[in-house]
């Protein structure tokens, strides 16, 4: 069965985010003063074949641990859905 895996990688809360500060400053300059904090991350979408949602989730977690994120400064969240769902 084919699944779609959505991975969101974000900086850990204790890590400074200079890109987020730059985006927030730009939003303020454009008149969006209600924005109090911005954190910038990565979104990765992939199609993965597997026998079950749990096996695909584990494979994607392995991908995150081995390549997709920097474990020192980044966390990740995985969402899995069966294609056609």
PDB file of N, CA and C in Angstrom:
ATOM      1  N   UNK A   1       0.852  -1.181   0.000  1.00  0.00           N
ATOM      2  CA  UNK A   1       0.000   0.000   0.000  1.00  0.00           C
ATOM      3  C   UNK A   1       0.896   1.242   0.000  1.00  0.00           C
ATOM      4  N   UNK A   2       0.422   2.289  -0.618  1.00  0.00           N
ATOM      5  CA  UNK A   2       1.177   3.538  -0.677  1.00  0.00           C
ATOM      6  C   UNK A   2       0.602   4.532   0.328  1.00  0.00           C
ATOM      7  N   UNK A   3       1.514   5.212   1.018  1.00  0.00           N
ATOM      8  CA  UNK A   3       1.161   6.219   2.022  1.00  0.00           C
ATOM      9  C   UNK A   3       1.840   7.531   1.674  1.00  0.00           C
ATOM     10  N   UNK A   4       1.222   8.613   2.104  1.00  0.00           N
ATOM     11  CA  UNK A   4       1.855   9.927   2.025  1.00  0.00           C
ATOM     12  C   UNK A   4       2.334  10.287   3.416  1.00  0.00           C
ATOM     13  N   UNK A   5       3.604  10.625   3.515  1.00  0.00           N
ATOM     14  CA  UNK A   5       4.200  11.032   4.788  1.00  0.00           C
ATOM     15  C   UNK A   5       4.514  12.517   4.716  1.00  0.00           C
ATOM     16  N   UNK A   6       4.029  13.247   5.693  1.00  0.00           N
ATOM     17  CA  UNK A   6       4.324  14.674   5.814  1.00  0.00           C
ATOM     18  C   UNK A   6       5.214  14.840   7.044  1.00  0.00           C
ATOM     19  N   UNK A   7       6.386  15.411   6.847  1.00  0.00           N
ATOM     20  CA  UNK A   7       7.342  15.612   7.937  1.00  0.00           C
ATOM     21  C   UNK A   7       7.540  17.112   8.123  1.00  0.00           C
ATOM     22  N   UNK A   8       7.367  17.557   9.345  1.00  0.00           N
ATOM     23  CA  UNK A   8       7.633  18.962   9.688  1.00  0.00           C
ATOM     24  C   UNK A   8       8.836  18.968  10.620  1.00  0.00           C
ATOM     25  N   UNK A   9       9.880  19.653  10.192  1.00  0.00           N
ATOM     26  CA  UNK A   9      11.107  19.755  10.978  1.00  0.00           C
ATOM     27  C   UNK A   9      11.208  21.183  11.471  1.00  0.00           C
ATOM     28  N   UNK A  10      11.397  21.326  12.784  1.00  0.00           N
ATOM     29  CA  UNK A  10      11.471  22.673  13.372  1.00  0.00           C
ATOM     30  C   UNK A  10      12.628  22.738  14.348  1.00  0.00           C
ATOM     31  N   UNK A  11      13.100  23.955  14.554  1.00  0.00           N
ATOM     32  CA  UNK A  11      14.165  24.161  15.528  1.00  0.00           C
ATOM     33  C   UNK A  11      13.645  23.876  16.932  1.00  0.00           C
ATOM     34  N   UNK A  12      14.488  23.304  17.765  1.00  0.00           N
ATOM     35  CA  UNK A  12      14.110  23.093  19.159  1.00  0.00           C
ATOM     36  C   UNK A  12      13.844  24.456  19.802  1.00  0.00           C
ATOM     37  N   UNK A  13      12.953  24.511  20.781  1.00  0.00           N
ATOM     38  CA  UNK A  13      12.578  25.795  21.396  1.00  0.00           C
ATOM     39  C   UNK A  13      13.759  26.576  21.978  1.00  0.00           C
ATOM     40  N   UNK A  14      14.807  25.901  22.411  1.00  0.00           N
ATOM     41  CA  UNK A  14      15.948  26.592  23.033  1.00  0.00           C
ATOM     42  C   UNK A  14      16.945  27.123  22.011  1.00  0.00           C
ATOM     43  N   UNK A  15      16.724  26.840  20.721  1.00  0.00           N
ATOM     44  CA  UNK A  15      17.643  27.268  19.662  1.00  0.00           C
ATOM     45  C   UNK A  15      17.165  28.598  19.086  1.00  0.00           C
ATOM     46  N   UNK A  16      18.089  29.559  18.988  1.00  0.00           N
ATOM     47  CA  UNK A  16      17.759  30.846  18.369  1.00  0.00           C
ATOM     48  C   UNK A  16      17.406  30.630  16.902  1.00  0.00           C
ATOM     49  N   UNK A  17      16.482  31.452  16.406  1.00  0.00           N
ATOM     50  CA  UNK A  17      16.021  31.331  15.026  1.00  0.00           C
ATOM     51  C   UNK A  17      16.180  32.674  14.319  1.00  0.00           C
ATOM     52  N   UNK A  18      17.392  32.984  13.819  1.00  0.00           N
ATOM     53  CA  UNK A  18      17.596  34.270  13.159  1.00  0.00           C
ATOM     54  C   UNK A  18      16.719  34.465  11.926  1.00  0.00           C
ATOM     55  N   UNK A  19      16.423  33.390  11.202  1.00  0.00           N
ATOM     56  CA  UNK A  19      15.549  33.517  10.042  1.00  0.00           C
ATOM     57  C   UNK A  19      14.137  33.884  10.486  1.00  0.00           C
ATOM     58  N   UNK A  20      13.680  33.301  11.579  1.00  0.00           N
ATOM     59  CA  UNK A  20      12.373  33.652  12.123  1.00  0.00           C
ATOM     60  C   UNK A  20      12.309  35.110  12.545  1.00  0.00           C
ATOM     61  N   UNK A  21      13.387  35.605  13.157  1.00  0.00           N
ATOM     62  CA  UNK A  21      13.434  37.024  13.554  1.00  0.00           C
ATOM     63  C   UNK A  21      13.361  37.941  12.337  1.00  0.00           C
ATOM     64  N   UNK A  22      14.034  37.558  11.261  1.00  0.00           N
ATOM     65  CA  UNK A  22      14.016  38.348  10.030  1.00  0.00           C
ATOM     66  C   UNK A  22      12.620  38.364   9.416  1.00  0.00           C
ATOM     67  N   UNK A  23      11.966  37.210   9.401  1.00  0.00           N
ATOM     68  CA  UNK A  23      10.604  37.136   8.858  1.00  0.00           C
ATOM     69  C   UNK A  23       9.662  37.985   9.710  1.00  0.00           C
ATOM     70  N   UNK A  24       9.779  37.879  11.036  1.00  0.00           N
ATOM     71  CA  UNK A  24       8.920  38.682  11.915  1.00  0.00           C
ATOM     72  C   UNK A  24       9.135  40.176  11.666  1.00  0.00           C
ATOM     73  N   UNK A  25      10.385  40.612  11.535  1.00  0.00           N
ATOM     74  CA  UNK A  25      10.665  42.026  11.265  1.00  0.00           C
ATOM     75  C   UNK A  25      10.043  42.459   9.938  1.00  0.00           C
ATOM     76  N   UNK A  26      10.138  41.600   8.920  1.00  0.00           N
ATOM     77  CA  UNK A  26       9.533  41.918   7.631  1.00  0.00           C
ATOM     78  C   UNK A  26       8.025  42.027   7.715  1.00  0.00           C
ATOM     79  N   UNK A  27       7.398  41.122   8.470  1.00  0.00           N
ATOM     80  CA  UNK A  27       5.948  41.197   8.649  1.00  0.00           C
ATOM     81  C   UNK A  27       5.550  42.470   9.377  1.00  0.00           C
ATOM     82  N   UNK A  28       6.324  42.853  10.388  1.00  0.00           N
ATOM     83  CA  UNK A  28       6.030  44.104  11.105  1.00  0.00           C
ATOM     84  C   UNK A  28       6.152  45.298  10.161  1.00  0.00           C
ATOM     85  N   UNK A  29       7.169  45.288   9.306  1.00  0.00           N
ATOM     86  CA  UNK A  29       7.340  46.389   8.353  1.00  0.00           C
ATOM     87  C   UNK A  29       6.184  46.466   7.365  1.00  0.00           C
ATOM     88  N   UNK A  30       5.557  45.338   7.096  1.00  0.00           N
ATOM     89  CA  UNK A  30       4.422  45.314   6.175  1.00  0.00           C
ATOM     90  C   UNK A  30       3.095  45.597   6.873  1.00  0.00           C
ATOM     91  N   UNK A  31       3.155  45.884   8.180  1.00  0.00           N
ATOM     92  CA  UNK A  31       1.949  46.255   8.905  1.00  0.00           C
ATOM     93  C   UNK A  31       1.287  45.133   9.680  1.00  0.00           C
ATOM     94  N   UNK A  32       1.922  43.995   9.756  1.00  0.00           N
ATOM     95  CA  UNK A  32       1.365  42.864  10.506  1.00  0.00           C
ATOM     96  C   UNK A  32       1.934  42.849  11.923  1.00  0.00           C
ATOM     97  N   UNK A  33       1.626  43.888  12.683  1.00  0.00           N
ATOM     98  CA  UNK A  33       2.205  44.065  14.015  1.00  0.00           C
ATOM     99  C   UNK A  33       1.668  43.065  15.038  1.00  0.00           C
ATOM    100  N   UNK A  34       0.604  42.349  14.703  1.00  0.00           N
ATOM    101  CA  UNK A  34       0.043  41.379  15.643  1.00  0.00           C
ATOM    102  C   UNK A  34       0.896  40.112  15.756  1.00  0.00           C
ATOM    103  N   UNK A  35       1.855  39.924  14.857  1.00  0.00           N
ATOM    104  CA  UNK A  35       2.724  38.742  14.895  1.00  0.00           C
ATOM    105  C   UNK A  35       3.763  38.936  15.991  1.00  0.00           C
ATOM    106  N   UNK A  36       3.755  38.033  16.979  1.00  0.00           N
ATOM    107  CA  UNK A  36       4.682  38.186  18.106  1.00  0.00           C
ATOM    108  C   UNK A  36       5.901  37.275  17.997  1.00  0.00           C
ATOM    109  N   UNK A  37       5.769  36.141  17.341  1.00  0.00           N
ATOM    110  CA  UNK A  37       6.921  35.239  17.199  1.00  0.00           C
ATOM    111  C   UNK A  37       6.789  34.437  15.917  1.00  0.00           C
ATOM    112  N   UNK A  38       7.922  34.204  15.263  1.00  0.00           N
ATOM    113  CA  UNK A  38       7.963  33.403  14.047  1.00  0.00           C
ATOM    114  C   UNK A  38       9.096  32.394  14.197  1.00  0.00           C
ATOM    115  N   UNK A  39       8.802  31.141  13.887  1.00  0.00           N
ATOM    116  CA  UNK A  39       9.815  30.086  13.836  1.00  0.00           C
ATOM    117  C   UNK A  39       9.751  29.507  12.419  1.00  0.00           C
ATOM    118  N   UNK A  40      10.898  29.370  11.789  1.00  0.00           N
ATOM    119  CA  UNK A  40      10.960  28.875  10.420  1.00  0.00           C
ATOM    120  C   UNK A  40      11.489  27.446  10.449  1.00  0.00           C
ATOM    121  N   UNK A  41      10.838  26.563   9.693  1.00  0.00           N
ATOM    122  CA  UNK A  41      11.260  25.169   9.639  1.00  0.00           C
ATOM    123  C   UNK A  41      11.197  24.637   8.228  1.00  0.00           C
ATOM    124  N   UNK A  42      11.143  23.317   8.131  1.00  0.00           N
ATOM    125  CA  UNK A  42      11.098  22.644   6.832  1.00  0.00           C
ATOM    126  C   UNK A  42       9.877  21.730   6.785  1.00  0.00           C
ATOM    127  N   UNK A  43       9.303  21.616   5.601  1.00  0.00           N
ATOM    128  CA  UNK A  43       8.189  20.694   5.369  1.00  0.00           C
ATOM    129  C   UNK A  43       8.613  19.750   4.252  1.00  0.00           C
ATOM    130  N   UNK A  44       8.558  18.451   4.519  1.00  0.00           N
ATOM    131  CA  UNK A  44       8.941  17.443   3.533  1.00  0.00           C
ATOM    132  C   UNK A  44       7.750  16.519   3.326  1.00  0.00           C
ATOM    133  N   UNK A  45       7.376  16.328   2.063  1.00  0.00           N
ATOM    134  CA  UNK A  45       6.275  15.436   1.716  1.00  0.00           C
ATOM    135  C   UNK A  45       6.832  14.324   0.844  1.00  0.00           C
ATOM    136  N   UNK A  46       6.471  13.076   1.165  1.00  0.00           N
ATOM    137  CA  UNK A  46       6.968  11.959   0.359  1.00  0.00           C
ATOM    138  C   UNK A  46       5.928  10.854   0.283  1.00  0.00           C
ATOM    139  N   UNK A  47       5.965  10.112  -0.802  1.00  0.00           N
ATOM    140  CA  UNK A  47       5.134   8.927  -0.960  1.00  0.00           C
ATOM    141  C   UNK A  47       5.985   7.722  -0.615  1.00  0.00           C
ATOM    142  N   UNK A  48       5.451   6.859   0.255  1.00  0.00           N
ATOM    143  CA  UNK A  48       6.214   5.721   0.758  1.00  0.00           C
ATOM    144  C   UNK A  48       5.350   4.467   0.655  1.00  0.00           C
ATOM    145  N   UNK A  49       5.921   3.398   0.123  1.00  0.00           N
ATOM    146  CA  UNK A  49       5.229   2.111   0.070  1.00  0.00           C
ATOM    147  C   UNK A  49       5.514   1.347   1.352  1.00  0.00           C
ATOM    148  N   UNK A  50       4.489   0.672   1.885  1.00  0.00           N
ATOM    149  CA  UNK A  50       4.679  -0.118   3.087  1.00  0.00           C
ATOM    150  C   UNK A  50       3.478  -0.990   3.374  1.00  0.00           C
ATOM    151  N   UNK A  51       3.669  -1.912   4.313  1.00  0.00           N
ATOM    152  CA  UNK A  51       2.611  -2.856   4.665  1.00  0.00           C
ATOM    153  C   UNK A  51       1.565  -2.257   5.597  1.00  0.00           C
ATOM    154  N   UNK A  52       1.989  -1.286   6.421  1.00  0.00           N
ATOM    155  CA  UNK A  52       1.062  -0.692   7.392  1.00  0.00           C
ATOM    156  C   UNK A  52       1.501   0.726   7.714  1.00  0.00           C
ATOM    157  N   UNK A  53       0.567   1.482   8.284  1.00  0.00           N
ATOM    158  CA  UNK A  53       0.887   2.852   8.684  1.00  0.00           C
ATOM    159  C   UNK A  53       2.020   2.868   9.710  1.00  0.00           C
ATOM    160  N   UNK A  54       1.998   1.934  10.645  1.00  0.00           N
ATOM    161  CA  UNK A  54       3.037   1.925  11.687  1.00  0.00           C
ATOM    162  C   UNK A  54       4.405   1.596  11.108  1.00  0.00           C
ATOM    163  N   UNK A  55       4.474   0.697  10.134  1.00  0.00           N
ATOM    164  CA  UNK A  55       5.784   0.386   9.535  1.00  0.00           C
ATOM    165  C   UNK A  55       6.309   1.567   8.725  1.00  0.00           C
ATOM    166  N   UNK A  56       5.414   2.269   8.032  1.00  0.00           N
ATOM    167  CA  UNK A  56       5.825   3.453   7.273  1.00  0.00           C
ATOM    168  C   UNK A  56       6.270   4.552   8.229  1.00  0.00           C
ATOM    169  N   UNK A  57       5.529   4.746   9.314  1.00  0.00           N
ATOM    170  CA  UNK A  57       5.915   5.756  10.302  1.00  0.00           C
ATOM    171  C   UNK A  57       7.316   5.473  10.854  1.00  0.00           C
ATOM    172  N   UNK A  58       7.611   4.212  11.138  1.00  0.00           N
ATOM    173  CA  UNK A  58       8.925   3.855  11.665  1.00  0.00           C
ATOM    174  C   UNK A  58      10.022   4.108  10.637  1.00  0.00           C
ATOM    175  N   UNK A  59       9.770   3.762   9.378  1.00  0.00           N
ATOM    176  CA  UNK A  59      10.761   4.008   8.314  1.00  0.00           C
ATOM    177  C   UNK A  59      11.023   5.503   8.156  1.00  0.00           C
ATOM    178  N   UNK A  60       9.956   6.302   8.173  1.00  0.00           N
ATOM    179  CA  UNK A  60      10.124   7.752   8.029  1.00  0.00           C
ATOM    180  C   UNK A  60      10.861   8.320   9.246  1.00  0.00           C
ATOM    181  N   UNK A  61      10.560   7.824  10.432  1.00  0.00           N
ATOM    182  CA  UNK A  61      11.295   8.256  11.630  1.00  0.00           C
ATOM    183  C   UNK A  61      12.781   7.925  11.487  1.00  0.00           C
ATOM    184  N   UNK A  62      13.091   6.745  10.939  1.00  0.00           N
ATOM    185  CA  UNK A  62      14.486   6.386  10.696  1.00  0.00           C
ATOM    186  C   UNK A  62      15.141   7.360   9.718  1.00  0.00           C
ATOM    187  N   UNK A  63      14.393   7.758   8.685  1.00  0.00           N
ATOM    188  CA  UNK A  63      14.910   8.740   7.713  1.00  0.00           C
ATOM    189  C   UNK A  63      15.226  10.055   8.411  1.00  0.00           C
ATOM    190  N   UNK A  64      14.322  10.476   9.309  1.00  0.00           N
ATOM    191  CA  UNK A  64      14.535  11.729  10.045  1.00  0.00           C
ATOM    192  C   UNK A  64      15.776  11.631  10.921  1.00  0.00           C
ATOM    193  N   UNK A  65      15.925  10.519  11.609  1.00  0.00           N
ATOM    194  CA  UNK A  65      17.051  10.335  12.517  1.00  0.00           C
ATOM    195  C   UNK A  65      18.380  10.249  11.779  1.00  0.00           C
ATOM    196  N   UNK A  66      18.375   9.681  10.582  1.00  0.00           N
ATOM    197  CA  UNK A  66      19.625   9.443   9.868  1.00  0.00           C
ATOM    198  C   UNK A  66      20.002  10.523   8.869  1.00  0.00           C
ATOM    199  N   UNK A  67      19.014  11.300   8.374  1.00  0.00           N
ATOM    200  CA  UNK A  67      19.343  12.255   7.318  1.00  0.00           C
ATOM    201  C   UNK A  67      18.589  13.580   7.392  1.00  0.00           C
ATOM    202  N   UNK A  68      17.286  13.536   7.598  1.00  0.00           N
ATOM    203  CA  UNK A  68      16.455  14.711   7.358  1.00  0.00           C
ATOM    204  C   UNK A  68      16.564  15.811   8.397  1.00  0.00           C
ATOM    205  N   UNK A  69      16.952  15.488   9.622  1.00  0.00           N
ATOM    206  CA  UNK A  69      17.034  16.526  10.644  1.00  0.00           C
ATOM    207  C   UNK A  69      18.385  16.480  11.341  1.00  0.00           C
ATOM    208  N   UNK A  70      18.738  17.607  11.919  1.00  0.00           N
ATOM    209  CA  UNK A  70      19.938  17.704  12.750  1.00  0.00           C
ATOM    210  C   UNK A  70      19.489  17.468  14.186  1.00  0.00           C
ATOM    211  N   UNK A  71      19.853  16.333  14.797  1.00  0.00           N
ATOM    212  CA  UNK A  71      19.330  16.001  16.124  1.00  0.00           C
ATOM    213  C   UNK A  71      19.773  16.962  17.228  1.00  0.00           C
ATOM    214  N   UNK A  72      20.809  17.721  16.984  1.00  0.00           N
ATOM    215  CA  UNK A  72      21.292  18.660  18.000  1.00  0.00           C
ATOM    216  C   UNK A  72      20.361  19.854  18.130  1.00  0.00           C
ATOM    217  N   UNK A  73      19.824  20.323  16.999  1.00  0.00           N
ATOM    218  CA  UNK A  73      19.047  21.569  17.035  1.00  0.00           C
ATOM    219  C   UNK A  73      17.610  21.448  16.533  1.00  0.00           C
ATOM    220  N   UNK A  74      17.223  20.291  15.976  1.00  0.00           N
ATOM    221  CA  UNK A  74      15.899  20.186  15.367  1.00  0.00           C
ATOM    222  C   UNK A  74      15.071  19.044  15.945  1.00  0.00           C
ATOM    223  N   UNK A  75      13.755  19.265  15.995  1.00  0.00           N
ATOM    224  CA  UNK A  75      12.760  18.243  16.316  1.00  0.00           C
ATOM    225  C   UNK A  75      11.973  17.962  15.039  1.00  0.00           C
ATOM    226  N   UNK A  76      11.174  16.900  15.048  1.00  0.00           N
ATOM    227  CA  UNK A  76      10.336  16.618  13.886  1.00  0.00           C
ATOM    228  C   UNK A  76       8.995  16.032  14.317  1.00  0.00           C
ATOM    229  N   UNK A  77       8.029  16.173  13.418  1.00  0.00           N
ATOM    230  CA  UNK A  77       6.687  15.628  13.601  1.00  0.00           C
ATOM    231  C   UNK A  77       6.303  14.938  12.293  1.00  0.00           C
ATOM    232  N   UNK A  78       5.709  13.760  12.402  1.00  0.00           N
ATOM    233  CA  UNK A  78       5.342  12.976  11.216  1.00  0.00           C
ATOM    234  C   UNK A  78       3.834  12.776  11.187  1.00  0.00           C
ATOM    235  N   UNK A  79       3.244  12.999  10.016  1.00  0.00           N
ATOM    236  CA  UNK A  79       1.838  12.670   9.782  1.00  0.00           C
ATOM    237  C   UNK A  79       1.784  11.704   8.603  1.00  0.00           C
ATOM    238  N   UNK A  80       1.041  10.619   8.764  1.00  0.00           N
ATOM    239  CA  UNK A  80       0.928   9.595   7.720  1.00  0.00           C
ATOM    240  C   UNK A  80      -0.532   9.462   7.323  1.00  0.00           C
ATOM    241  N   UNK A  81      -0.771   9.341   6.011  1.00  0.00           N
ATOM    242  CA  UNK A  81      -2.128   9.032   5.568  1.00  0.00           C
ATOM    243  C   UNK A  81      -2.040   8.084   4.377  1.00  0.00           C
ATOM    244  N   UNK A  82      -2.964   7.161   4.317  1.00  0.00           N
ATOM    245  CA  UNK A  82      -3.030   6.224   3.204  1.00  0.00           C
ATOM    246  C   UNK A  82      -3.474   6.986   1.958  1.00  0.00           C
ATOM    247  N   UNK A  83      -2.849   6.702   0.831  1.00  0.00           N
ATOM    248  CA  UNK A  83      -3.282   7.353  -0.403  1.00  0.00           C
ATOM    249  C   UNK A  83      -4.724   6.983  -0.684  1.00  0.00           C
ATOM    250  N   UNK A  84      -5.485   7.970  -1.098  1.00  0.00           N
ATOM    251  CA  UNK A  84      -6.898   7.770  -1.338  1.00  0.00           C
ATOM    252  C   UNK A  84      -7.747   7.999  -0.098  1.00  0.00           C
ATOM    253  N   UNK A  85      -7.086   8.308   1.036  1.00  0.00           N
ATOM    254  CA  UNK A  85      -7.834   8.538   2.279  1.00  0.00           C
ATOM    255  C   UNK A  85      -8.221   9.983   2.406  1.00  0.00           C
TER     256      UNK A  85
END
